[in-house]
Amino acid sequence: MSPHAVAGTAVVDSFTINHQKWHPAMEVPFVIARVAIDGALGVILTTNIVNCAPEAVDIGDKVKVIFEQQDDVWLPLFQKAD
């Protein structure tokens, strides 16, 4: 195995809307989703869908990656593609 560049876009293949506040920094409700990375067969991430109302997320939505820094780590999050 070795690193490979992948697209910054993906498709939502499943999701859930979480109403439990598991961490003080996370506002509820929030979306936990599995996204399939475009052009990278078998590459699926579990992530959050951000910057939209949770009820606006659907299976099959096109999304794009954004990165959020938390301390010295950059987390890949996704938002609906334009």
PDB file of N, CA and C in Angstrom:
ATOM      1  N   MET A   1       0.837  -1.168   0.000  1.00  0.00           N
ATOM      2  CA  MET A   1       0.000   0.000   0.000  1.00  0.00           C
ATOM      3  C   MET A   1       0.882   1.230   0.000  1.00  0.00           C
ATOM      4  N   SER A   2       0.381   2.263  -0.655  1.00  0.00           N
ATOM      5  CA  SER A   2       1.101   3.528  -0.692  1.00  0.00           C
ATOM      6  C   SER A   2       0.101   4.662  -0.860  1.00  0.00           C
ATOM      7  N   PRO A   3       0.507   5.872  -0.518  1.00  0.00           N
ATOM      8  CA  PRO A   3      -0.409   7.011  -0.653  1.00  0.00           C
ATOM      9  C   PRO A   3      -0.734   7.281  -2.130  1.00  0.00           C
ATOM     10  N   HIS A   4      -1.965   7.700  -2.365  1.00  0.00           N
ATOM     11  CA  HIS A   4      -2.420   8.087  -3.699  1.00  0.00           C
ATOM     12  C   HIS A   4      -3.314   9.306  -3.562  1.00  0.00           C
ATOM     13  N   ALA A   5      -3.182  10.233  -4.483  1.00  0.00           N
ATOM     14  CA  ALA A   5      -4.080  11.390  -4.499  1.00  0.00           C
ATOM     15  C   ALA A   5      -5.466  10.915  -4.916  1.00  0.00           C
ATOM     16  N   VAL A   6      -6.499  11.449  -4.293  1.00  0.00           N
ATOM     17  CA  VAL A   6      -7.879  11.119  -4.641  1.00  0.00           C
ATOM     18  C   VAL A   6      -8.647  12.419  -4.849  1.00  0.00           C
ATOM     19  N   ALA A   7      -9.810  12.288  -5.471  1.00  0.00           N
ATOM     20  CA  ALA A   7     -10.663  13.450  -5.709  1.00  0.00           C
ATOM     21  C   ALA A   7     -11.126  14.033  -4.379  1.00  0.00           C
ATOM     22  N   GLY A   8     -11.448  15.290  -4.388  1.00  0.00           N
ATOM     23  CA  GLY A   8     -11.994  15.941  -3.207  1.00  0.00           C
ATOM     24  C   GLY A   8     -13.513  15.896  -3.189  1.00  0.00           C
ATOM     25  N   THR A   9     -14.068  15.028  -4.041  1.00  0.00           N
ATOM     26  CA  THR A   9     -15.522  14.907  -4.118  1.00  0.00           C
ATOM     27  C   THR A   9     -15.926  13.474  -3.814  1.00  0.00           C
ATOM     28  N   ALA A  10     -17.203  13.326  -3.425  1.00  0.00           N
ATOM     29  CA  ALA A  10     -17.695  12.008  -3.036  1.00  0.00           C
ATOM     30  C   ALA A  10     -19.212  11.996  -3.169  1.00  0.00           C
ATOM     31  N   VAL A  11     -19.792  10.819  -2.892  1.00  0.00           N
ATOM     32  CA  VAL A  11     -21.241  10.632  -2.903  1.00  0.00           C
ATOM     33  C   VAL A  11     -21.642  10.037  -1.560  1.00  0.00           C
ATOM     34  N   VAL A  12     -22.704  10.574  -0.967  1.00  0.00           N
ATOM     35  CA  VAL A  12     -23.224  10.038   0.294  1.00  0.00           C
ATOM     36  C   VAL A  12     -23.866   8.688   0.005  1.00  0.00           C
ATOM     37  N   ASP A  13     -23.390   7.622   0.671  1.00  0.00           N
ATOM     38  CA  ASP A  13     -24.024   6.311   0.447  1.00  0.00           C
ATOM     39  C   ASP A  13     -24.875   5.866   1.636  1.00  0.00           C
ATOM     40  N   SER A  14     -24.703   6.493   2.797  1.00  0.00           N
ATOM     41  CA  SER A  14     -25.606   6.277   3.934  1.00  0.00           C
ATOM     42  C   SER A  14     -25.323   7.362   4.960  1.00  0.00           C
ATOM     43  N   PHE A  15     -26.288   7.586   5.850  1.00  0.00           N
ATOM     44  CA  PHE A  15     -26.092   8.610   6.875  1.00  0.00           C
ATOM     45  C   PHE A  15     -27.100   8.425   7.997  1.00  0.00           C
ATOM     46  N   THR A  16     -26.822   9.085   9.106  1.00  0.00           N
ATOM     47  CA  THR A  16     -27.753   9.156  10.225  1.00  0.00           C
ATOM     48  C   THR A  16     -27.689  10.564  10.794  1.00  0.00           C
ATOM     49  N   ILE A  17     -28.783  11.011  11.340  1.00  0.00           N
ATOM     50  CA  ILE A  17     -28.823  12.306  12.013  1.00  0.00           C
ATOM     51  C   ILE A  17     -28.767  12.028  13.510  1.00  0.00           C
ATOM     52  N   ASN A  18     -27.736  12.547  14.151  1.00  0.00           N
ATOM     53  CA  ASN A  18     -27.505  12.284  15.563  1.00  0.00           C
ATOM     54  C   ASN A  18     -28.033  13.440  16.404  1.00  0.00           C
ATOM     55  N   HIS A  19     -28.855  13.114  17.399  1.00  0.00           N
ATOM     56  CA  HIS A  19     -29.419  14.118  18.299  1.00  0.00           C
ATOM     57  C   HIS A  19     -28.801  14.056  19.691  1.00  0.00           C
ATOM     58  N   GLN A  20     -27.828  13.154  19.902  1.00  0.00           N
ATOM     59  CA  GLN A  20     -27.141  13.008  21.191  1.00  0.00           C
ATOM     60  C   GLN A  20     -25.884  13.866  21.187  1.00  0.00           C
ATOM     61  N   LYS A  21     -25.694  14.677  22.205  1.00  0.00           N
ATOM     62  CA  LYS A  21     -24.499  15.520  22.305  1.00  0.00           C
ATOM     63  C   LYS A  21     -23.374  14.695  22.936  1.00  0.00           C
ATOM     64  N   TRP A  22     -22.541  14.086  22.109  1.00  0.00           N
ATOM     65  CA  TRP A  22     -21.467  13.206  22.579  1.00  0.00           C
ATOM     66  C   TRP A  22     -20.239  13.982  23.027  1.00  0.00           C
ATOM     67  N   HIS A  23     -20.081  15.190  22.517  1.00  0.00           N
ATOM     68  CA  HIS A  23     -18.897  15.993  22.822  1.00  0.00           C
ATOM     69  C   HIS A  23     -19.340  17.444  22.977  1.00  0.00           C
ATOM     70  N   PRO A  24     -18.790  18.159  23.953  1.00  0.00           N
ATOM     71  CA  PRO A  24     -19.231  19.535  24.188  1.00  0.00           C
ATOM     72  C   PRO A  24     -19.082  20.462  22.971  1.00  0.00           C
ATOM     73  N   ALA A  25     -18.123  20.181  22.108  1.00  0.00           N
ATOM     74  CA  ALA A  25     -17.887  21.052  20.955  1.00  0.00           C
ATOM     75  C   ALA A  25     -18.856  20.793  19.803  1.00  0.00           C
ATOM     76  N   MET A  26     -19.596  19.699  19.836  1.00  0.00           N
ATOM     77  CA  MET A  26     -20.484  19.356  18.723  1.00  0.00           C
ATOM     78  C   MET A  26     -21.904  19.818  19.014  1.00  0.00           C
ATOM     79  N   GLU A  27     -22.427  20.632  18.130  1.00  0.00           N
ATOM     80  CA  GLU A  27     -23.813  21.074  18.243  1.00  0.00           C
ATOM     81  C   GLU A  27     -24.725  19.998  17.656  1.00  0.00           C
ATOM     82  N   VAL A  28     -25.856  19.767  18.280  1.00  0.00           N
ATOM     83  CA  VAL A  28     -26.814  18.789  17.779  1.00  0.00           C
ATOM     84  C   VAL A  28     -27.981  19.516  17.134  1.00  0.00           C
ATOM     85  N   PRO A  29     -28.632  18.923  16.175  1.00  0.00           N
ATOM     86  CA  PRO A  29     -28.301  17.631  15.574  1.00  0.00           C
ATOM     87  C   PRO A  29     -27.150  17.775  14.567  1.00  0.00           C
ATOM     88  N   PHE A  30     -26.487  16.658  14.272  1.00  0.00           N
ATOM     89  CA  PHE A  30     -25.429  16.645  13.266  1.00  0.00           C
ATOM     90  C   PHE A  30     -25.516  15.349  12.469  1.00  0.00           C
ATOM     91  N   VAL A  31     -24.920  15.379  11.285  1.00  0.00           N
ATOM     92  CA  VAL A  31     -24.991  14.242  10.369  1.00  0.00           C
ATOM     93  C   VAL A  31     -23.690  13.454  10.408  1.00  0.00           C
ATOM     94  N   ILE A  32     -23.802  12.150  10.624  1.00  0.00           N
ATOM     95  CA  ILE A  32     -22.684  11.218  10.459  1.00  0.00           C
ATOM     96  C   ILE A  32     -22.989  10.462   9.176  1.00  0.00           C
ATOM     97  N   ALA A  33     -22.039  10.471   8.244  1.00  0.00           N
ATOM     98  CA  ALA A  33     -22.295   9.869   6.937  1.00  0.00           C
ATOM     99  C   ALA A  33     -21.121   9.014   6.475  1.00  0.00           C
ATOM    100  N   ARG A  34     -21.448   8.054   5.618  1.00  0.00           N
ATOM    101  CA  ARG A  34     -20.431   7.320   4.861  1.00  0.00           C
ATOM    102  C   ARG A  34     -20.440   7.943   3.479  1.00  0.00           C
ATOM    103  N   VAL A  35     -19.239   8.304   2.989  1.00  0.00           N
ATOM    104  CA  VAL A  35     -19.135   8.872   1.648  1.00  0.00           C
ATOM    105  C   VAL A  35     -18.161   8.039   0.829  1.00  0.00           C
ATOM    106  N   ALA A  36     -18.547   7.772  -0.411  1.00  0.00           N
ATOM    107  CA  ALA A  36     -17.703   7.027  -1.344  1.00  0.00           C
ATOM    108  C   ALA A  36     -16.938   8.044  -2.193  1.00  0.00           C
ATOM    109  N   ILE A  37     -15.614   7.998  -2.121  1.00  0.00           N
ATOM    110  CA  ILE A  37     -14.770   8.961  -2.823  1.00  0.00           C
ATOM    111  C   ILE A  37     -14.833   8.710  -4.330  1.00  0.00           C
ATOM    112  N   ASP A  38     -15.095   9.786  -5.092  1.00  0.00           N
ATOM    113  CA  ASP A  38     -15.176   9.680  -6.554  1.00  0.00           C
ATOM    114  C   ASP A  38     -13.856   9.177  -7.146  1.00  0.00           C
ATOM    115  N   GLY A  39     -13.950   8.204  -8.039  1.00  0.00           N
ATOM    116  CA  GLY A  39     -12.789   7.705  -8.757  1.00  0.00           C
ATOM    117  C   GLY A  39     -11.852   6.828  -7.948  1.00  0.00           C
ATOM    118  N   ALA A  40     -12.234   6.446  -6.743  1.00  0.00           N
ATOM    119  CA  ALA A  40     -11.380   5.622  -5.893  1.00  0.00           C
ATOM    120  C   ALA A  40     -12.210   4.439  -5.395  1.00  0.00           C
ATOM    121  N   LEU A  41     -12.352   3.453  -6.240  1.00  0.00           N
ATOM    122  CA  LEU A  41     -13.198   2.295  -5.953  1.00  0.00           C
ATOM    123  C   LEU A  41     -12.869   1.693  -4.589  1.00  0.00           C
ATOM    124  N   GLY A  42     -13.870   1.571  -3.748  1.00  0.00           N
ATOM    125  CA  GLY A  42     -13.693   0.957  -2.440  1.00  0.00           C
ATOM    126  C   GLY A  42     -13.221   1.889  -1.346  1.00  0.00           C
ATOM    127  N   VAL A  43     -12.950   3.162  -1.673  1.00  0.00           N
ATOM    128  CA  VAL A  43     -12.516   4.106  -0.644  1.00  0.00           C
ATOM    129  C   VAL A  43     -13.755   4.809  -0.091  1.00  0.00           C
ATOM    130  N   ILE A  44     -14.068   4.500   1.159  1.00  0.00           N
ATOM    131  CA  ILE A  44     -15.250   5.041   1.819  1.00  0.00           C
ATOM    132  C   ILE A  44     -14.813   5.613   3.163  1.00  0.00           C
ATOM    133  N   LEU A  45     -15.273   6.824   3.466  1.00  0.00           N
ATOM    134  CA  LEU A  45     -14.953   7.469   4.735  1.00  0.00           C
ATOM    135  C   LEU A  45     -16.206   7.637   5.569  1.00  0.00           C
ATOM    136  N   THR A  46     -16.059   7.508   6.875  1.00  0.00           N
ATOM    137  CA  THR A  46     -17.106   7.908   7.800  1.00  0.00           C
ATOM    138  C   THR A  46     -16.740   9.309   8.257  1.00  0.00           C
ATOM    139  N   THR A  47     -17.675  10.239   8.121  1.00  0.00           N
ATOM    140  CA  THR A  47     -17.368  11.649   8.315  1.00  0.00           C
ATOM    141  C   THR A  47     -18.619  12.387   8.755  1.00  0.00           C
ATOM    142  N   ASN A  48     -18.503  13.686   8.859  1.00  0.00           N
ATOM    143  CA  ASN A  48     -19.668  14.544   9.119  1.00  0.00           C
ATOM    144  C   ASN A  48     -19.983  15.348   7.868  1.00  0.00           C
ATOM    145  N   ILE A  49     -21.288  15.578   7.634  1.00  0.00           N
ATOM    146  CA  ILE A  49     -21.731  16.500   6.599  1.00  0.00           C
ATOM    147  C   ILE A  49     -22.038  17.800   7.326  1.00  0.00           C
ATOM    148  N   VAL A  50     -21.423  18.892   6.885  1.00  0.00           N
ATOM    149  CA  VAL A  50     -21.533  20.167   7.581  1.00  0.00           C
ATOM    150  C   VAL A  50     -22.051  21.255   6.636  1.00  0.00           C
ATOM    151  N   ASN A  51     -22.371  22.399   7.215  1.00  0.00           N
ATOM    152  CA  ASN A  51     -22.790  23.598   6.471  1.00  0.00           C
ATOM    153  C   ASN A  51     -24.112  23.448   5.737  1.00  0.00           C
ATOM    154  N   CYS A  52     -24.978  22.580   6.242  1.00  0.00           N
ATOM    155  CA  CYS A  52     -26.342  22.489   5.722  1.00  0.00           C
ATOM    156  C   CYS A  52     -27.217  21.894   6.823  1.00  0.00           C
ATOM    157  N   ALA A  53     -28.513  22.088   6.683  1.00  0.00           N
ATOM    158  CA  ALA A  53     -29.442  21.509   7.652  1.00  0.00           C
ATOM    159  C   ALA A  53     -29.394  19.990   7.548  1.00  0.00           C
ATOM    160  N   PRO A  54     -29.390  19.279   8.664  1.00  0.00           N
ATOM    161  CA  PRO A  54     -29.334  17.820   8.611  1.00  0.00           C
ATOM    162  C   PRO A  54     -30.421  17.199   7.740  1.00  0.00           C
ATOM    163  N   GLU A  55     -31.623  17.757   7.766  1.00  0.00           N
ATOM    164  CA  GLU A  55     -32.713  17.189   6.965  1.00  0.00           C
ATOM    165  C   GLU A  55     -32.536  17.438   5.467  1.00  0.00           C
ATOM    166  N   ALA A  56     -31.532  18.226   5.079  1.00  0.00           N
ATOM    167  CA  ALA A  56     -31.270  18.478   3.655  1.00  0.00           C
ATOM    168  C   ALA A  56     -30.342  17.433   3.044  1.00  0.00           C
ATOM    169  N   VAL A  57     -29.817  16.506   3.849  1.00  0.00           N
ATOM    170  CA  VAL A  57     -28.897  15.470   3.355  1.00  0.00           C
ATOM    171  C   VAL A  57     -29.699  14.268   2.870  1.00  0.00           C
ATOM    172  N   ASP A  58     -29.302  13.729   1.716  1.00  0.00           N
ATOM    173  CA  ASP A  58     -29.939  12.540   1.142  1.00  0.00           C
ATOM    174  C   ASP A  58     -28.886  11.583   0.608  1.00  0.00           C
ATOM    175  N   ILE A  59     -29.217  10.311   0.566  1.00  0.00           N
ATOM    176  CA  ILE A  59     -28.350   9.330  -0.085  1.00  0.00           C
ATOM    177  C   ILE A  59     -28.244   9.715  -1.561  1.00  0.00           C
ATOM    178  N   GLY A  60     -27.034   9.673  -2.076  1.00  0.00           N
ATOM    179  CA  GLY A  60     -26.782  10.043  -3.468  1.00  0.00           C
ATOM    180  C   GLY A  60     -26.325  11.479  -3.642  1.00  0.00           C
ATOM    181  N   ASP A  61     -26.360  12.283  -2.574  1.00  0.00           N
ATOM    182  CA  ASP A  61     -25.897  13.668  -2.671  1.00  0.00           C
ATOM    183  C   ASP A  61     -24.418  13.712  -3.029  1.00  0.00           C
ATOM    184  N   LYS A  62     -24.068  14.640  -3.914  1.00  0.00           N
ATOM    185  CA  LYS A  62     -22.667  14.907  -4.220  1.00  0.00           C
ATOM    186  C   LYS A  62     -22.150  15.848  -3.140  1.00  0.00           C
ATOM    187  N   VAL A  63     -20.974  15.539  -2.603  1.00  0.00           N
ATOM    188  CA  VAL A  63     -20.367  16.351  -1.557  1.00  0.00           C
ATOM    189  C   VAL A  63     -18.905  16.613  -1.892  1.00  0.00           C
ATOM    190  N   LYS A  64     -18.344  17.630  -1.241  1.00  0.00           N
ATOM    191  CA  LYS A  64     -16.917  17.947  -1.449  1.00  0.00           C
ATOM    192  C   LYS A  64     -16.248  18.113  -0.095  1.00  0.00           C
ATOM    193  N   VAL A  65     -14.967  17.808  -0.070  1.00  0.00           N
ATOM    194  CA  VAL A  65     -14.218  17.825   1.184  1.00  0.00           C
ATOM    195  C   VAL A  65     -13.865  19.255   1.583  1.00  0.00           C
ATOM    196  N   ILE A  66     -13.904  19.496   2.888  1.00  0.00           N
ATOM    197  CA  ILE A  66     -13.301  20.673   3.508  1.00  0.00           C
ATOM    198  C   ILE A  66     -12.522  20.136   4.706  1.00  0.00           C
ATOM    199  N   PHE A  67     -11.552  20.873   5.175  1.00  0.00           N
ATOM    200  CA  PHE A  67     -10.746  20.407   6.295  1.00  0.00           C
ATOM    201  C   PHE A  67     -10.915  21.347   7.484  1.00  0.00           C
ATOM    202  N   GLU A  68     -11.056  20.764   8.668  1.00  0.00           N
ATOM    203  CA  GLU A  68     -11.190  21.527   9.902  1.00  0.00           C
ATOM    204  C   GLU A  68     -10.040  21.160  10.822  1.00  0.00           C
ATOM    205  N   GLN A  69      -9.327  22.169  11.294  1.00  0.00           N
ATOM    206  CA  GLN A  69      -8.203  21.916  12.190  1.00  0.00           C
ATOM    207  C   GLN A  69      -8.678  21.810  13.630  1.00  0.00           C
ATOM    208  N   GLN A  70      -8.254  20.754  14.297  1.00  0.00           N
ATOM    209  CA  GLN A  70      -8.474  20.572  15.733  1.00  0.00           C
ATOM    210  C   GLN A  70      -7.123  20.247  16.338  1.00  0.00           C
ATOM    211  N   ASP A  71      -6.575  21.238  17.029  1.00  0.00           N
ATOM    212  CA  ASP A  71      -5.212  21.151  17.559  1.00  0.00           C
ATOM    213  C   ASP A  71      -4.241  20.937  16.404  1.00  0.00           C
ATOM    214  N   ASP A  72      -3.473  19.838  16.429  1.00  0.00           N
ATOM    215  CA  ASP A  72      -2.497  19.613  15.360  1.00  0.00           C
ATOM    216  C   ASP A  72      -2.991  18.614  14.307  1.00  0.00           C
ATOM    217  N   VAL A  73      -4.309  18.381  14.269  1.00  0.00           N
ATOM    218  CA  VAL A  73      -4.901  17.427  13.332  1.00  0.00           C
ATOM    219  C   VAL A  73      -5.878  18.161  12.419  1.00  0.00           C
ATOM    220  N   TRP A  74      -5.880  17.799  11.124  1.00  0.00           N
ATOM    221  CA  TRP A  74      -6.840  18.333  10.160  1.00  0.00           C
ATOM    222  C   TRP A  74      -7.828  17.222   9.823  1.00  0.00           C
ATOM    223  N   LEU A  75      -9.116  17.459  10.125  1.00  0.00           N
ATOM    224  CA  LEU A  75     -10.156  16.457   9.892  1.00  0.00           C
ATOM    225  C   LEU A  75     -10.850  16.698   8.560  1.00  0.00           C
ATOM    226  N   PRO A  76     -11.013  15.643   7.742  1.00  0.00           N
ATOM    227  CA  PRO A  76     -11.774  15.806   6.506  1.00  0.00           C
ATOM    228  C   PRO A  76     -13.272  15.736   6.798  1.00  0.00           C
ATOM    229  N   LEU A  77     -13.960  16.819   6.536  1.00  0.00           N
ATOM    230  CA  LEU A  77     -15.412  16.898   6.649  1.00  0.00           C
ATOM    231  C   LEU A  77     -15.946  17.136   5.248  1.00  0.00           C
ATOM    232  N   PHE A  78     -17.233  16.962   5.057  1.00  0.00           N
ATOM    233  CA  PHE A  78     -17.796  17.153   3.714  1.00  0.00           C
ATOM    234  C   PHE A  78     -19.011  18.075   3.787  1.00  0.00           C
ATOM    235  N   GLN A  79     -19.194  18.833   2.714  1.00  0.00           N
ATOM    236  CA  GLN A  79     -20.366  19.671   2.562  1.00  0.00           C
ATOM    237  C   GLN A  79     -20.947  19.417   1.178  1.00  0.00           C
ATOM    238  N   LYS A  80     -22.220  19.764   1.003  1.00  0.00           N
ATOM    239  CA  LYS A  80     -22.864  19.542  -0.280  1.00  0.00           C
ATOM    240  C   LYS A  80     -22.104  20.288  -1.369  1.00  0.00           C
ATOM    241  N   ALA A  81     -21.918  19.645  -2.505  1.00  0.00           N
ATOM    242  CA  ALA A  81     -21.228  20.273  -3.632  1.00  0.00           C
ATOM    243  C   ALA A  81     -22.160  21.292  -4.287  1.00  0.00           C
ATOM    244  N   ASP A  82     -21.576  22.332  -4.829  1.00  0.00           N
ATOM    245  CA  ASP A  82     -22.379  23.377  -5.489  1.00  0.00           C
ATOM    246  C   ASP A  82     -22.978  22.901  -6.794  1.00  0.00           C
TER     247      ASP A  82
END
